[in-house]
């Protein structure tokens, strides 16, 4: 069973991956893809915020 640090680390990695894909979707004007990724982005952002992770440097989307 993963410990809290491992969960946070995995969530940060997922958050960064989702943001990269959101930026690509926005660049390609893939509206549906962007909206789908935004749901995951919002959930990960809430999870990381609750875990006390400072997203100031990590959040490139800032929505």
PDB file of N, CA and C in Angstrom:
ATOM      1  N   UNK A   1       0.850  -1.179   0.000  1.00  0.00           N
ATOM      2  CA  UNK A   1       0.000   0.000   0.000  1.00  0.00           C
ATOM      3  C   UNK A   1       0.895   1.241   0.000  1.00  0.00           C
ATOM      4  N   UNK A   2       0.649   2.175  -0.929  1.00  0.00           N
ATOM      5  CA  UNK A   2       1.498   3.368  -1.004  1.00  0.00           C
ATOM      6  C   UNK A   2       1.288   4.295   0.191  1.00  0.00           C
ATOM      7  N   UNK A   3       2.371   4.959   0.594  1.00  0.00           N
ATOM      8  CA  UNK A   3       2.244   5.913   1.680  1.00  0.00           C
ATOM      9  C   UNK A   3       1.834   7.274   1.123  1.00  0.00           C
ATOM     10  N   UNK A   4       1.579   8.228   2.000  1.00  0.00           N
ATOM     11  CA  UNK A   4       1.095   9.547   1.583  1.00  0.00           C
ATOM     12  C   UNK A   4       2.049  10.241   0.629  1.00  0.00           C
ATOM     13  N   UNK A   5       3.331  10.149   0.880  1.00  0.00           N
ATOM     14  CA  UNK A   5       4.317  10.802   0.024  1.00  0.00           C
ATOM     15  C   UNK A   5       4.275  10.232  -1.394  1.00  0.00           C
ATOM     16  N   UNK A   6       4.132   8.930  -1.505  1.00  0.00           N
ATOM     17  CA  UNK A   6       4.044   8.292  -2.820  1.00  0.00           C
ATOM     18  C   UNK A   6       2.775   8.721  -3.555  1.00  0.00           C
ATOM     19  N   UNK A   7       1.674   8.845  -2.846  1.00  0.00           N
ATOM     20  CA  UNK A   7       0.412   9.285  -3.444  1.00  0.00           C
ATOM     21  C   UNK A   7       0.530  10.720  -3.930  1.00  0.00           C
ATOM     22  N   UNK A   8       1.131  11.577  -3.124  1.00  0.00           N
ATOM     23  CA  UNK A   8       1.315  12.978  -3.510  1.00  0.00           C
ATOM     24  C   UNK A   8       2.240  13.079  -4.713  1.00  0.00           C
ATOM     25  N   UNK A   9       3.324  12.327  -4.703  1.00  0.00           N
ATOM     26  CA  UNK A   9       4.267  12.348  -5.819  1.00  0.00           C
ATOM     27  C   UNK A   9       3.587  11.903  -7.120  1.00  0.00           C
ATOM     28  N   UNK A  10       2.819  10.855  -7.060  1.00  0.00           N
ATOM     29  CA  UNK A  10       2.094  10.357  -8.231  1.00  0.00           C
ATOM     30  C   UNK A  10       1.062  11.387  -8.702  1.00  0.00           C
ATOM     31  N   UNK A  11       0.392  12.036  -7.757  1.00  0.00           N
ATOM     32  CA  UNK A  11      -0.609  13.040  -8.108  1.00  0.00           C
ATOM     33  C   UNK A  11       0.030  14.267  -8.755  1.00  0.00           C
ATOM     34  N   UNK A  12       1.196  14.664  -8.277  1.00  0.00           N
ATOM     35  CA  UNK A  12       1.916  15.783  -8.898  1.00  0.00           C
ATOM     36  C   UNK A  12       2.298  15.422 -10.324  1.00  0.00           C
ATOM     37  N   UNK A  13       2.789  14.220 -10.518  1.00  0.00           N
ATOM     38  CA  UNK A  13       3.151  13.758 -11.867  1.00  0.00           C
ATOM     39  C   UNK A  13       1.913  13.768 -12.776  1.00  0.00           C
ATOM     40  N   UNK A  14       0.801  13.251 -12.278  1.00  0.00           N
ATOM     41  CA  UNK A  14      -0.444  13.235 -13.053  1.00  0.00           C
ATOM     42  C   UNK A  14      -0.915  14.655 -13.369  1.00  0.00           C
ATOM     43  N   UNK A  15      -0.799  15.548 -12.403  1.00  0.00           N
ATOM     44  CA  UNK A  15      -1.204  16.945 -12.583  1.00  0.00           C
ATOM     45  C   UNK A  15      -0.377  17.597 -13.691  1.00  0.00           C
ATOM     46  N   UNK A  16       0.911  17.370 -13.680  1.00  0.00           N
ATOM     47  CA  UNK A  16       1.774  17.939 -14.711  1.00  0.00           C
ATOM     48  C   UNK A  16       1.457  17.337 -16.084  1.00  0.00           C
ATOM     49  N   UNK A  17       1.195  16.033 -16.139  1.00  0.00           N
ATOM     50  CA  UNK A  17       0.860  15.368 -17.389  1.00  0.00           C
ATOM     51  C   UNK A  17      -0.450  15.923 -17.963  1.00  0.00           C
ATOM     52  N   UNK A  18      -1.450  16.086 -17.117  1.00  0.00           N
ATOM     53  CA  UNK A  18      -2.735  16.618 -17.568  1.00  0.00           C
ATOM     54  C   UNK A  18      -2.567  18.042 -18.093  1.00  0.00           C
ATOM     55  N   UNK A  19      -1.767  18.837 -17.405  1.00  0.00           N
ATOM     56  CA  UNK A  19      -1.547  20.210 -17.855  1.00  0.00           C
ATOM     57  C   UNK A  19      -0.874  20.257 -19.234  1.00  0.00           C
ATOM     58  N   UNK A  20       0.114  19.399 -19.444  1.00  0.00           N
ATOM     59  CA  UNK A  20       0.767  19.353 -20.761  1.00  0.00           C
ATOM     60  C   UNK A  20      -0.241  19.024 -21.851  1.00  0.00           C
ATOM     61  N   UNK A  21      -1.097  18.063 -21.580  1.00  0.00           N
ATOM     62  CA  UNK A  21      -2.108  17.667 -22.568  1.00  0.00           C
ATOM     63  C   UNK A  21      -3.154  18.764 -22.766  1.00  0.00           C
ATOM     64  N   UNK A  22      -3.490  19.482 -21.696  1.00  0.00           N
ATOM     65  CA  UNK A  22      -4.435  20.595 -21.832  1.00  0.00           C
ATOM     66  C   UNK A  22      -3.853  21.689 -22.722  1.00  0.00           C
ATOM     67  N   UNK A  23      -2.585  21.999 -22.535  1.00  0.00           N
ATOM     68  CA  UNK A  23      -1.938  23.028 -23.353  1.00  0.00           C
ATOM     69  C   UNK A  23      -1.902  22.611 -24.821  1.00  0.00           C
ATOM     70  N   UNK A  24      -1.624  21.335 -25.069  1.00  0.00           N
ATOM     71  CA  UNK A  24      -1.642  20.832 -26.443  1.00  0.00           C
ATOM     72  C   UNK A  24      -3.048  20.896 -27.036  1.00  0.00           C
ATOM     73  N   UNK A  25      -4.037  20.498 -26.261  1.00  0.00           N
ATOM     74  CA  UNK A  25      -5.421  20.521 -26.741  1.00  0.00           C
ATOM     75  C   UNK A  25      -5.856  21.948 -27.052  1.00  0.00           C
ATOM     76  N   UNK A  26      -5.455  22.885 -26.218  1.00  0.00           N
ATOM     77  CA  UNK A  26      -5.800  24.290 -26.455  1.00  0.00           C
ATOM     78  C   UNK A  26      -5.125  24.790 -27.733  1.00  0.00           C
ATOM     79  N   UNK A  27      -3.866  24.446 -27.921  1.00  0.00           N
ATOM     80  CA  UNK A  27      -3.116  24.843 -29.112  1.00  0.00           C
ATOM     81  C   UNK A  27      -3.757  24.272 -30.376  1.00  0.00           C
ATOM     82  N   UNK A  28      -4.258  23.051 -30.291  1.00  0.00           N
ATOM     83  CA  UNK A  28      -4.879  22.388 -31.432  1.00  0.00           C
ATOM     84  C   UNK A  28      -6.371  22.709 -31.558  1.00  0.00           C
ATOM     85  N   UNK A  29      -6.877  23.530 -30.646  1.00  0.00           N
ATOM     86  CA  UNK A  29      -8.292  23.905 -30.612  1.00  0.00           C
ATOM     87  C   UNK A  29      -9.200  22.678 -30.476  1.00  0.00           C
ATOM     88  N   UNK A  30      -8.760  21.735 -29.663  1.00  0.00           N
ATOM     89  CA  UNK A  30      -9.527  20.513 -29.394  1.00  0.00           C
ATOM     90  C   UNK A  30     -10.402  20.762 -28.163  1.00  0.00           C
ATOM     91  N   UNK A  31     -11.531  21.396 -28.382  1.00  0.00           N
ATOM     92  CA  UNK A  31     -12.390  21.878 -27.307  1.00  0.00           C
ATOM     93  C   UNK A  31     -12.894  20.746 -26.414  1.00  0.00           C
ATOM     94  N   UNK A  32     -13.358  19.660 -26.995  1.00  0.00           N
ATOM     95  CA  UNK A  32     -13.891  18.542 -26.205  1.00  0.00           C
ATOM     96  C   UNK A  32     -12.787  17.873 -25.388  1.00  0.00           C
ATOM     97  N   UNK A  33     -11.635  17.700 -25.985  1.00  0.00           N
ATOM     98  CA  UNK A  33     -10.503  17.098 -25.274  1.00  0.00           C
ATOM     99  C   UNK A  33     -10.082  17.982 -24.113  1.00  0.00           C
ATOM    100  N   UNK A  34     -10.010  19.285 -24.351  1.00  0.00           N
ATOM    101  CA  UNK A  34      -9.635  20.233 -23.303  1.00  0.00           C
ATOM    102  C   UNK A  34     -10.636  20.163 -22.143  1.00  0.00           C
ATOM    103  N   UNK A  35     -11.927  20.144 -22.460  1.00  0.00           N
ATOM    104  CA  UNK A  35     -12.960  20.087 -21.417  1.00  0.00           C
ATOM    105  C   UNK A  35     -12.851  18.796 -20.612  1.00  0.00           C
ATOM    106  N   UNK A  36     -12.576  17.687 -21.279  1.00  0.00           N
ATOM    107  CA  UNK A  36     -12.421  16.416 -20.583  1.00  0.00           C
ATOM    108  C   UNK A  36     -11.208  16.436 -19.654  1.00  0.00           C
ATOM    109  N   UNK A  37     -10.101  16.959 -20.144  1.00  0.00           N
ATOM    110  CA  UNK A  37      -8.888  17.058 -19.323  1.00  0.00           C
ATOM    111  C   UNK A  37      -9.077  18.024 -18.160  1.00  0.00           C
ATOM    112  N   UNK A  38      -9.874  19.065 -18.376  1.00  0.00           N
ATOM    113  CA  UNK A  38     -10.091  20.060 -17.317  1.00  0.00           C
ATOM    114  C   UNK A  38     -10.766  19.434 -16.099  1.00  0.00           C
ATOM    115  N   UNK A  39     -11.640  18.459 -16.322  1.00  0.00           N
ATOM    116  CA  UNK A  39     -12.267  17.762 -15.191  1.00  0.00           C
ATOM    117  C   UNK A  39     -11.214  17.051 -14.345  1.00  0.00           C
ATOM    118  N   UNK A  40     -10.289  16.361 -15.002  1.00  0.00           N
ATOM    119  CA  UNK A  40      -9.213  15.667 -14.278  1.00  0.00           C
ATOM    120  C   UNK A  40      -8.289  16.678 -13.599  1.00  0.00           C
ATOM    121  N   UNK A  41      -7.985  17.770 -14.300  1.00  0.00           N
ATOM    122  CA  UNK A  41      -7.145  18.850 -13.765  1.00  0.00           C
ATOM    123  C   UNK A  41      -7.756  19.396 -12.470  1.00  0.00           C
ATOM    124  N   UNK A  42      -9.061  19.655 -12.498  1.00  0.00           N
ATOM    125  CA  UNK A  42      -9.743  20.222 -11.335  1.00  0.00           C
ATOM    126  C   UNK A  42      -9.692  19.261 -10.153  1.00  0.00           C
ATOM    127  N   UNK A  43      -9.918  17.982 -10.412  1.00  0.00           N
ATOM    128  CA  UNK A  43      -9.880  16.988  -9.336  1.00  0.00           C
ATOM    129  C   UNK A  43      -8.483  16.873  -8.732  1.00  0.00           C
ATOM    130  N   UNK A  44      -7.475  16.807  -9.600  1.00  0.00           N
ATOM    131  CA  UNK A  44      -6.100  16.705  -9.106  1.00  0.00           C
ATOM    132  C   UNK A  44      -5.690  17.963  -8.344  1.00  0.00           C
ATOM    133  N   UNK A  45      -6.120  19.117  -8.828  1.00  0.00           N
ATOM    134  CA  UNK A  45      -5.788  20.381  -8.157  1.00  0.00           C
ATOM    135  C   UNK A  45      -6.411  20.410  -6.756  1.00  0.00           C
ATOM    136  N   UNK A  46      -7.646  19.945  -6.639  1.00  0.00           N
ATOM    137  CA  UNK A  46      -8.311  19.893  -5.335  1.00  0.00           C
ATOM    138  C   UNK A  46      -7.602  18.913  -4.402  1.00  0.00           C
ATOM    139  N   UNK A  47      -7.242  17.747  -4.927  1.00  0.00           N
ATOM    140  CA  UNK A  47      -6.549  16.737  -4.126  1.00  0.00           C
ATOM    141  C   UNK A  47      -5.209  17.264  -3.615  1.00  0.00           C
ATOM    142  N   UNK A  48      -4.439  17.867  -4.506  1.00  0.00           N
ATOM    143  CA  UNK A  48      -3.124  18.385  -4.112  1.00  0.00           C
ATOM    144  C   UNK A  48      -3.246  19.549  -3.141  1.00  0.00           C
ATOM    145  N   UNK A  49      -4.241  20.395  -3.354  1.00  0.00           N
ATOM    146  CA  UNK A  49      -4.463  21.504  -2.429  1.00  0.00           C
ATOM    147  C   UNK A  49      -4.817  21.002  -1.037  1.00  0.00           C
ATOM    148  N   UNK A  50      -5.658  19.981  -0.970  1.00  0.00           N
ATOM    149  CA  UNK A  50      -6.037  19.380   0.306  1.00  0.00           C
ATOM    150  C   UNK A  50      -4.837  18.731   0.988  1.00  0.00           C
ATOM    151  N   UNK A  51      -3.925  18.197   0.182  1.00  0.00           N
ATOM    152  CA  UNK A  51      -2.719  17.557   0.734  1.00  0.00           C
ATOM    153  C   UNK A  51      -1.676  18.590   1.159  1.00  0.00           C
ATOM    154  N   UNK A  52      -1.958  19.865   0.902  1.00  0.00           N
ATOM    155  CA  UNK A  52      -1.042  20.917   1.336  1.00  0.00           C
ATOM    156  C   UNK A  52       0.054  21.245   0.339  1.00  0.00           C
ATOM    157  N   UNK A  53      -0.080  20.782  -0.905  1.00  0.00           N
ATOM    158  CA  UNK A  53       0.928  21.055  -1.923  1.00  0.00           C
ATOM    159  C   UNK A  53       0.729  22.476  -2.452  1.00  0.00           C
ATOM    160  N   UNK A  54       1.802  23.255  -2.459  1.00  0.00           N
ATOM    161  CA  UNK A  54       1.755  24.608  -2.998  1.00  0.00           C
ATOM    162  C   UNK A  54       1.824  24.515  -4.522  1.00  0.00           C
ATOM    163  N   UNK A  55       0.746  24.891  -5.180  1.00  0.00           N
ATOM    164  CA  UNK A  55       0.644  24.744  -6.630  1.00  0.00           C
ATOM    165  C   UNK A  55       1.121  25.981  -7.390  1.00  0.00           C
ATOM    166  N   UNK A  56       1.618  26.977  -6.698  1.00  0.00           N
ATOM    167  CA  UNK A  56       2.020  28.227  -7.343  1.00  0.00           C
ATOM    168  C   UNK A  56       2.972  27.993  -8.504  1.00  0.00           C
ATOM    169  N   UNK A  57       3.980  27.194  -8.316  1.00  0.00           N
ATOM    170  CA  UNK A  57       4.978  26.931  -9.359  1.00  0.00           C
ATOM    171  C   UNK A  57       4.540  25.842 -10.330  1.00  0.00           C
ATOM    172  N   UNK A  58       3.700  24.923  -9.873  1.00  0.00           N
ATOM    173  CA  UNK A  58       3.313  23.777 -10.696  1.00  0.00           C
ATOM    174  C   UNK A  58       2.174  24.078 -11.661  1.00  0.00           C
ATOM    175  N   UNK A  59       1.303  25.001 -11.278  1.00  0.00           N
ATOM    176  CA  UNK A  59       0.081  25.248 -12.064  1.00  0.00           C
ATOM    177  C   UNK A  59       0.355  26.213 -13.220  1.00  0.00           C
ATOM    178  N   UNK A  60       0.410  25.661 -14.418  1.00  0.00           N
ATOM    179  CA  UNK A  60       0.659  26.468 -15.617  1.00  0.00           C
ATOM    180  C   UNK A  60      -0.645  26.949 -16.238  1.00  0.00           C
ATOM    181  N   UNK A  61      -1.742  26.289 -15.932  1.00  0.00           N
ATOM    182  CA  UNK A  61      -3.039  26.617 -16.517  1.00  0.00           C
ATOM    183  C   UNK A  61      -3.707  27.754 -15.749  1.00  0.00           C
ATOM    184  N   UNK A  62      -3.664  27.699 -14.450  1.00  0.00           N
ATOM    185  CA  UNK A  62      -4.192  28.716 -13.536  1.00  0.00           C
ATOM    186  C   UNK A  62      -5.694  28.974 -13.738  1.00  0.00           C
ATOM    187  N   UNK A  63      -6.468  27.905 -13.837  1.00  0.00           N
ATOM    188  CA  UNK A  63      -7.931  28.052 -13.940  1.00  0.00           C
ATOM    189  C   UNK A  63      -8.582  27.656 -12.633  1.00  0.00           C
TER     190      UNK A  63
END
